[in-house]
Amino acid sequence: MMQVIAYYLVFTPLSTWWGEALTRAGWNEYIVLFGTMVINLITEFSYYRFVVYKNHMFTNKQGKEELAKQAQEN
């Protein structure tokens, strides 16, 4: 859970900062909101996939075999 909190401790202030800066620069607030949502989707998925759940993705039988194979190689 601390890893998820760490993500939002970085993302929330940054998105607030760039959202405010872009709307003051004359961008439509809905375009800024949509862009922020897309950036959140991409970065949050990547963060969860490669940081939070990096060691928990091999849950089916074939995945567990692949994980065991990787462990033997290392």
PDB file of N, CA and C in Angstrom:
ATOM      1  N   MET A   1       0.820  -1.194   0.000  1.00  0.00           N
ATOM      2  CA  MET A   1       0.000   0.000   0.000  1.00  0.00           C
ATOM      3  C   MET A   1       0.865   1.260   0.000  1.00  0.00           C
ATOM      4  N   MET A   2       2.029   1.181   0.636  1.00  0.00           N
ATOM      5  CA  MET A   2       2.916   2.344   0.675  1.00  0.00           C
ATOM      6  C   MET A   2       3.418   2.709  -0.720  1.00  0.00           C
ATOM      7  N   GLN A   3       3.572   1.715  -1.592  1.00  0.00           N
ATOM      8  CA  GLN A   3       4.006   1.997  -2.953  1.00  0.00           C
ATOM      9  C   GLN A   3       2.929   2.767  -3.720  1.00  0.00           C
ATOM     10  N   VAL A   4       1.673   2.427  -3.476  1.00  0.00           N
ATOM     11  CA  VAL A   4       0.571   3.142  -4.122  1.00  0.00           C
ATOM     12  C   VAL A   4       0.512   4.578  -3.607  1.00  0.00           C
ATOM     13  N   ILE A   5       0.680   4.751  -2.312  1.00  0.00           N
ATOM     14  CA  ILE A   5       0.702   6.099  -1.730  1.00  0.00           C
ATOM     15  C   ILE A   5       1.857   6.902  -2.320  1.00  0.00           C
ATOM     16  N   ALA A   6       3.000   6.261  -2.501  1.00  0.00           N
ATOM     17  CA  ALA A   6       4.166   6.953  -3.081  1.00  0.00           C
ATOM     18  C   ALA A   6       3.854   7.452  -4.492  1.00  0.00           C
ATOM     19  N   TYR A   7       3.139   6.641  -5.274  1.00  0.00           N
ATOM     20  CA  TYR A   7       2.753   7.073  -6.619  1.00  0.00           C
ATOM     21  C   TYR A   7       1.914   8.347  -6.554  1.00  0.00           C
ATOM     22  N   TYR A   8       0.909   8.342  -5.716  1.00  0.00           N
ATOM     23  CA  TYR A   8       0.018   9.499  -5.640  1.00  0.00           C
ATOM     24  C   TYR A   8       0.670  10.708  -4.983  1.00  0.00           C
ATOM     25  N   LEU A   9       1.662  10.500  -4.129  1.00  0.00           N
ATOM     26  CA  LEU A   9       2.401  11.636  -3.568  1.00  0.00           C
ATOM     27  C   LEU A   9       3.189  12.376  -4.645  1.00  0.00           C
ATOM     28  N   VAL A  10       3.527  11.684  -5.709  1.00  0.00           N
ATOM     29  CA  VAL A  10       4.227  12.317  -6.831  1.00  0.00           C
ATOM     30  C   VAL A  10       3.226  12.810  -7.871  1.00  0.00           C
ATOM     31  N   PHE A  11       2.275  11.955  -8.267  1.00  0.00           N
ATOM     32  CA  PHE A  11       1.374  12.287  -9.367  1.00  0.00           C
ATOM     33  C   PHE A  11       0.422  13.442  -9.043  1.00  0.00           C
ATOM     34  N   THR A  12      -0.145  13.448  -7.862  1.00  0.00           N
ATOM     35  CA  THR A  12      -1.153  14.457  -7.529  1.00  0.00           C
ATOM     36  C   THR A  12      -0.613  15.887  -7.581  1.00  0.00           C
ATOM     37  N   PRO A  13       0.510  16.190  -6.939  1.00  0.00           N
ATOM     38  CA  PRO A  13       1.016  17.562  -7.050  1.00  0.00           C
ATOM     39  C   PRO A  13       1.433  17.932  -8.479  1.00  0.00           C
ATOM     40  N   LEU A  14       2.035  16.976  -9.193  1.00  0.00           N
ATOM     41  CA  LEU A  14       2.445  17.270 -10.569  1.00  0.00           C
ATOM     42  C   LEU A  14       1.245  17.541 -11.465  1.00  0.00           C
ATOM     43  N   SER A  15       0.212  16.722 -11.355  1.00  0.00           N
ATOM     44  CA  SER A  15      -0.957  16.923 -12.205  1.00  0.00           C
ATOM     45  C   SER A  15      -1.680  18.220 -11.848  1.00  0.00           C
ATOM     46  N   THR A  16      -1.690  18.578 -10.583  1.00  0.00           N
ATOM     47  CA  THR A  16      -2.279  19.851 -10.175  1.00  0.00           C
ATOM     48  C   THR A  16      -1.485  21.010 -10.758  1.00  0.00           C
ATOM     49  N   TRP A  17      -0.168  20.895 -10.689  1.00  0.00           N
ATOM     50  CA  TRP A  17       0.706  21.949 -11.203  1.00  0.00           C
ATOM     51  C   TRP A  17       0.529  22.131 -12.712  1.00  0.00           C
ATOM     52  N   TRP A  18       0.638  21.025 -13.494  1.00  0.00           N
ATOM     53  CA  TRP A  18       0.540  21.199 -14.940  1.00  0.00           C
ATOM     54  C   TRP A  18      -0.889  21.529 -15.370  1.00  0.00           C
ATOM     55  N   GLY A  19      -1.887  21.052 -14.647  1.00  0.00           N
ATOM     56  CA  GLY A  19      -3.266  21.406 -14.979  1.00  0.00           C
ATOM     57  C   GLY A  19      -3.518  22.887 -14.807  1.00  0.00           C
ATOM     58  N   GLU A  20      -3.038  23.429 -13.711  1.00  0.00           N
ATOM     59  CA  GLU A  20      -3.182  24.868 -13.463  1.00  0.00           C
ATOM     60  C   GLU A  20      -2.401  25.675 -14.494  1.00  0.00           C
ATOM     61  N   ALA A  21      -1.173  25.257 -14.784  1.00  0.00           N
ATOM     62  CA  ALA A  21      -0.334  25.983 -15.739  1.00  0.00           C
ATOM     63  C   ALA A  21      -0.951  25.982 -17.136  1.00  0.00           C
ATOM     64  N   LEU A  22      -1.475  24.850 -17.557  1.00  0.00           N
ATOM     65  CA  LEU A  22      -2.044  24.763 -18.905  1.00  0.00           C
ATOM     66  C   LEU A  22      -3.350  25.544 -19.028  1.00  0.00           C
ATOM     67  N   THR A  23      -4.196  25.504 -17.997  1.00  0.00           N
ATOM     68  CA  THR A  23      -5.447  26.273 -18.074  1.00  0.00           C
ATOM     69  C   THR A  23      -5.171  27.774 -18.028  1.00  0.00           C
ATOM     70  N   ARG A  24      -4.153  28.187 -17.287  1.00  0.00           N
ATOM     71  CA  ARG A  24      -3.781  29.611 -17.286  1.00  0.00           C
ATOM     72  C   ARG A  24      -3.196  30.039 -18.619  1.00  0.00           C
ATOM     73  N   ALA A  25      -2.598  29.078 -19.334  1.00  0.00           N
ATOM     74  CA  ALA A  25      -2.026  29.371 -20.649  1.00  0.00           C
ATOM     75  C   ALA A  25      -3.092  29.409 -21.733  1.00  0.00           C
ATOM     76  N   GLY A  26      -4.332  29.148 -21.360  1.00  0.00           N
ATOM     77  CA  GLY A  26      -5.426  29.267 -22.314  1.00  0.00           C
ATOM     78  C   GLY A  26      -5.965  27.950 -22.847  1.00  0.00           C
ATOM     79  N   TRP A  27      -5.470  26.838 -22.348  1.00  0.00           N
ATOM     80  CA  TRP A  27      -5.983  25.553 -22.792  1.00  0.00           C
ATOM     81  C   TRP A  27      -7.380  25.322 -22.214  1.00  0.00           C
ATOM     82  N   ASN A  28      -8.208  24.634 -22.960  1.00  0.00           N
ATOM     83  CA  ASN A  28      -9.534  24.272 -22.491  1.00  0.00           C
ATOM     84  C   ASN A  28      -9.398  23.301 -21.316  1.00  0.00           C
ATOM     85  N   GLU A  29     -10.140  23.563 -20.257  1.00  0.00           N
ATOM     86  CA  GLU A  29      -9.985  22.741 -19.056  1.00  0.00           C
ATOM     87  C   GLU A  29     -10.381  21.285 -19.281  1.00  0.00           C
ATOM     88  N   TYR A  30     -11.288  21.003 -20.215  1.00  0.00           N
ATOM     89  CA  TYR A  30     -11.669  19.625 -20.492  1.00  0.00           C
ATOM     90  C   TYR A  30     -10.573  18.878 -21.249  1.00  0.00           C
ATOM     91  N   ILE A  31      -9.844  19.574 -22.105  1.00  0.00           N
ATOM     92  CA  ILE A  31      -8.706  18.958 -22.797  1.00  0.00           C
ATOM     93  C   ILE A  31      -7.616  18.640 -21.789  1.00  0.00           C
ATOM     94  N   VAL A  32      -7.367  19.559 -20.873  1.00  0.00           N
ATOM     95  CA  VAL A  32      -6.370  19.318 -19.821  1.00  0.00           C
ATOM     96  C   VAL A  32      -6.802  18.147 -18.946  1.00  0.00           C
ATOM     97  N   LEU A  33      -8.064  18.097 -18.586  1.00  0.00           N
ATOM     98  CA  LEU A  33      -8.581  16.992 -17.771  1.00  0.00           C
ATOM     99  C   LEU A  33      -8.440  15.664 -18.494  1.00  0.00           C
ATOM    100  N   PHE A  34      -8.805  15.632 -19.770  1.00  0.00           N
ATOM    101  CA  PHE A  34      -8.677  14.399 -20.557  1.00  0.00           C
ATOM    102  C   PHE A  34      -7.219  13.971 -20.649  1.00  0.00           C
ATOM    103  N   GLY A  35      -6.324  14.907 -20.926  1.00  0.00           N
ATOM    104  CA  GLY A  35      -4.898  14.595 -20.995  1.00  0.00           C
ATOM    105  C   GLY A  35      -4.365  14.061 -19.679  1.00  0.00           C
ATOM    106  N   THR A  36      -4.793  14.669 -18.594  1.00  0.00           N
ATOM    107  CA  THR A  36      -4.365  14.207 -17.272  1.00  0.00           C
ATOM    108  C   THR A  36      -4.860  12.801 -17.001  1.00  0.00           C
ATOM    109  N   MET A  37      -6.084  12.500 -17.415  1.00  0.00           N
ATOM    110  CA  MET A  37      -6.630  11.159 -17.218  1.00  0.00           C
ATOM    111  C   MET A  37      -5.865  10.119 -18.046  1.00  0.00           C
ATOM    112  N   VAL A  38      -5.498  10.471 -19.257  1.00  0.00           N
ATOM    113  CA  VAL A  38      -4.729   9.552 -20.102  1.00  0.00           C
ATOM    114  C   VAL A  38      -3.346   9.319 -19.498  1.00  0.00           C
ATOM    115  N   ILE A  39      -2.695  10.386 -19.058  1.00  0.00           N
ATOM    116  CA  ILE A  39      -1.380  10.250 -18.428  1.00  0.00           C
ATOM    117  C   ILE A  39      -1.489   9.416 -17.159  1.00  0.00           C
ATOM    118  N   ASN A  40      -2.540   9.626 -16.378  1.00  0.00           N
ATOM    119  CA  ASN A  40      -2.747   8.830 -15.169  1.00  0.00           C
ATOM    120  C   ASN A  40      -2.941   7.363 -15.505  1.00  0.00           C
ATOM    121  N   LEU A  41      -3.718   7.065 -16.527  1.00  0.00           N
ATOM    122  CA  LEU A  41      -3.954   5.686 -16.933  1.00  0.00           C
ATOM    123  C   LEU A  41      -2.648   4.995 -17.301  1.00  0.00           C
ATOM    124  N   ILE A  42      -1.854   5.637 -18.119  1.00  0.00           N
ATOM    125  CA  ILE A  42      -0.600   5.037 -18.592  1.00  0.00           C
ATOM    126  C   ILE A  42       0.403   4.884 -17.458  1.00  0.00           C
ATOM    127  N   THR A  43       0.619   5.945 -16.696  1.00  0.00           N
ATOM    128  CA  THR A  43       1.636   5.885 -15.646  1.00  0.00           C
ATOM    129  C   THR A  43       1.211   4.988 -14.491  1.00  0.00           C
ATOM    130  N   GLU A  44      -0.061   5.022 -14.128  1.00  0.00           N
ATOM    131  CA  GLU A  44      -0.515   4.183 -13.020  1.00  0.00           C
ATOM    132  C   GLU A  44      -0.454   2.709 -13.397  1.00  0.00           C
ATOM    133  N   PHE A  45      -0.887   2.362 -14.613  1.00  0.00           N
ATOM    134  CA  PHE A  45      -0.794   0.973 -15.046  1.00  0.00           C
ATOM    135  C   PHE A  45       0.659   0.515 -15.036  1.00  0.00           C
ATOM    136  N   SER A  46       1.544   1.326 -15.603  1.00  0.00           N
ATOM    137  CA  SER A  46       2.960   0.964 -15.660  1.00  0.00           C
ATOM    138  C   SER A  46       3.554   0.813 -14.266  1.00  0.00           C
ATOM    139  N   TYR A  47       3.222   1.739 -13.393  1.00  0.00           N
ATOM    140  CA  TYR A  47       3.737   1.685 -12.020  1.00  0.00           C
ATOM    141  C   TYR A  47       3.252   0.434 -11.303  1.00  0.00           C
ATOM    142  N   TYR A  48       1.973   0.127 -11.413  1.00  0.00           N
ATOM    143  CA  TYR A  48       1.442  -1.064 -10.755  1.00  0.00           C
ATOM    144  C   TYR A  48       2.054  -2.323 -11.353  1.00  0.00           C
ATOM    145  N   ARG A  49       2.162  -2.361 -12.686  1.00  0.00           N
ATOM    146  CA  ARG A  49       2.675  -3.565 -13.365  1.00  0.00           C
ATOM    147  C   ARG A  49       4.143  -3.819 -13.048  1.00  0.00           C
ATOM    148  N   PHE A  50       4.970  -2.772 -13.123  1.00  0.00           N
ATOM    149  CA  PHE A  50       6.412  -2.966 -13.027  1.00  0.00           C
ATOM    150  C   PHE A  50       7.006  -2.680 -11.647  1.00  0.00           C
ATOM    151  N   VAL A  51       6.231  -2.097 -10.745  1.00  0.00           N
ATOM    152  CA  VAL A  51       6.748  -1.803  -9.407  1.00  0.00           C
ATOM    153  C   VAL A  51       5.954  -2.566  -8.348  1.00  0.00           C
ATOM    154  N   VAL A  52       4.667  -2.314  -8.275  1.00  0.00           N
ATOM    155  CA  VAL A  52       3.863  -2.881  -7.189  1.00  0.00           C
ATOM    156  C   VAL A  52       3.712  -4.397  -7.326  1.00  0.00           C
ATOM    157  N   TYR A  53       3.362  -4.865  -8.534  1.00  0.00           N
ATOM    158  CA  TYR A  53       3.093  -6.296  -8.725  1.00  0.00           C
ATOM    159  C   TYR A  53       4.170  -6.990  -9.544  1.00  0.00           C
ATOM    160  N   LYS A  54       5.395  -6.497  -9.526  1.00  0.00           N
ATOM    161  CA  LYS A  54       6.445  -7.065 -10.374  1.00  0.00           C
ATOM    162  C   LYS A  54       6.743  -8.532 -10.073  1.00  0.00           C
ATOM    163  N   ASN A  55       6.574  -8.960  -8.846  1.00  0.00           N
ATOM    164  CA  ASN A  55       6.856 -10.348  -8.487  1.00  0.00           C
ATOM    165  C   ASN A  55       5.605 -11.208  -8.337  1.00  0.00           C
ATOM    166  N   HIS A  56       4.453 -10.680  -8.704  1.00  0.00           N
ATOM    167  CA  HIS A  56       3.201 -11.398  -8.489  1.00  0.00           C
ATOM    168  C   HIS A  56       2.403 -11.617  -9.761  1.00  0.00           C
ATOM    169  N   MET A  57       3.034 -11.497 -10.899  1.00  0.00           N
ATOM    170  CA  MET A  57       2.300 -11.608 -12.159  1.00  0.00           C
ATOM    171  C   MET A  57       2.179 -13.054 -12.642  1.00  0.00           C
ATOM    172  N   PHE A  58       2.966 -13.965 -12.098  1.00  0.00           N
ATOM    173  CA  PHE A  58       2.977 -15.349 -12.554  1.00  0.00           C
ATOM    174  C   PHE A  58       2.072 -16.174 -11.648  1.00  0.00           C
ATOM    175  N   THR A  59       0.773 -16.169 -11.926  1.00  0.00           N
ATOM    176  CA  THR A  59      -0.167 -16.810 -11.013  1.00  0.00           C
ATOM    177  C   THR A  59      -0.718 -18.141 -11.532  1.00  0.00           C
ATOM    178  N   ASN A  60      -0.750 -18.358 -12.838  1.00  0.00           N
ATOM    179  CA  ASN A  60      -1.251 -19.640 -13.332  1.00  0.00           C
ATOM    180  C   ASN A  60      -0.107 -20.655 -13.405  1.00  0.00           C
ATOM    181  N   LYS A  61      -0.412 -21.883 -13.759  1.00  0.00           N
ATOM    182  CA  LYS A  61       0.587 -22.956 -13.755  1.00  0.00           C
ATOM    183  C   LYS A  61       1.750 -22.632 -14.696  1.00  0.00           C
ATOM    184  N   GLN A  62       1.430 -22.196 -15.894  1.00  0.00           N
ATOM    185  CA  GLN A  62       2.476 -21.875 -16.865  1.00  0.00           C
ATOM    186  C   GLN A  62       3.341 -20.710 -16.367  1.00  0.00           C
ATOM    187  N   GLY A  63       2.736 -19.742 -15.752  1.00  0.00           N
ATOM    188  CA  GLY A  63       3.477 -18.607 -15.210  1.00  0.00           C
ATOM    189  C   GLY A  63       4.393 -19.009 -14.071  1.00  0.00           C
ATOM    190  N   LYS A  64       3.917 -19.900 -13.225  1.00  0.00           N
ATOM    191  CA  LYS A  64       4.748 -20.367 -12.112  1.00  0.00           C
ATOM    192  C   LYS A  64       5.948 -21.161 -12.624  1.00  0.00           C
ATOM    193  N   GLU A  65       5.738 -21.935 -13.684  1.00  0.00           N
ATOM    194  CA  GLU A  65       6.850 -22.667 -14.288  1.00  0.00           C
ATOM    195  C   GLU A  65       7.881 -21.702 -14.879  1.00  0.00           C
ATOM    196  N   GLU A  66       7.388 -20.667 -15.529  1.00  0.00           N
ATOM    197  CA  GLU A  66       8.298 -19.647 -16.086  1.00  0.00           C
ATOM    198  C   GLU A  66       9.071 -18.934 -14.980  1.00  0.00           C
ATOM    199  N   LEU A  67       8.417 -18.621 -13.892  1.00  0.00           N
ATOM    200  CA  LEU A  67       9.078 -17.973 -12.766  1.00  0.00           C
ATOM    201  C   LEU A  67      10.147 -18.883 -12.163  1.00  0.00           C
ATOM    202  N   ALA A  68       9.851 -20.180 -12.026  1.00  0.00           N
ATOM    203  CA  ALA A  68      10.830 -21.134 -11.510  1.00  0.00           C
ATOM    204  C   ALA A  68      12.018 -21.251 -12.466  1.00  0.00           C
ATOM    205  N   LYS A  69      11.741 -21.230 -13.748  1.00  0.00           N
ATOM    206  CA  LYS A  69      12.807 -21.287 -14.756  1.00  0.00           C
ATOM    207  C   LYS A  69      13.709 -20.063 -14.661  1.00  0.00           C
ATOM    208  N   GLN A  70      13.110 -18.893 -14.483  1.00  0.00           N
ATOM    209  CA  GLN A  70      13.894 -17.666 -14.331  1.00  0.00           C
ATOM    210  C   GLN A  70      14.743 -17.710 -13.076  1.00  0.00           C
ATOM    211  N   ALA A  71      14.213 -18.266 -12.004  1.00  0.00           N
ATOM    212  CA  ALA A  71      14.950 -18.352 -10.744  1.00  0.00           C
ATOM    213  C   ALA A  71      16.154 -19.284 -10.888  1.00  0.00           C
ATOM    214  N   GLN A  72      16.005 -20.348 -11.650  1.00  0.00           N
ATOM    215  CA  GLN A  72      17.109 -21.281 -11.854  1.00  0.00           C
ATOM    216  C   GLN A  72      18.211 -20.653 -12.689  1.00  0.00           C
ATOM    217  N   GLU A  73      17.848 -19.791 -13.624  1.00  0.00           N
ATOM    218  CA  GLU A  73      18.830 -19.136 -14.482  1.00  0.00           C
ATOM    219  C   GLU A  73      19.656 -18.116 -13.698  1.00  0.00           C
ATOM    220  N   ASN A  74      19.070 -17.540 -12.676  1.00  0.00           N
ATOM    221  CA  ASN A  74      19.766 -16.516 -11.881  1.00  0.00           C
ATOM    222  C   ASN A  74      20.532 -17.148 -10.811  1.00  0.00           C
TER     223      ASN A  74
END
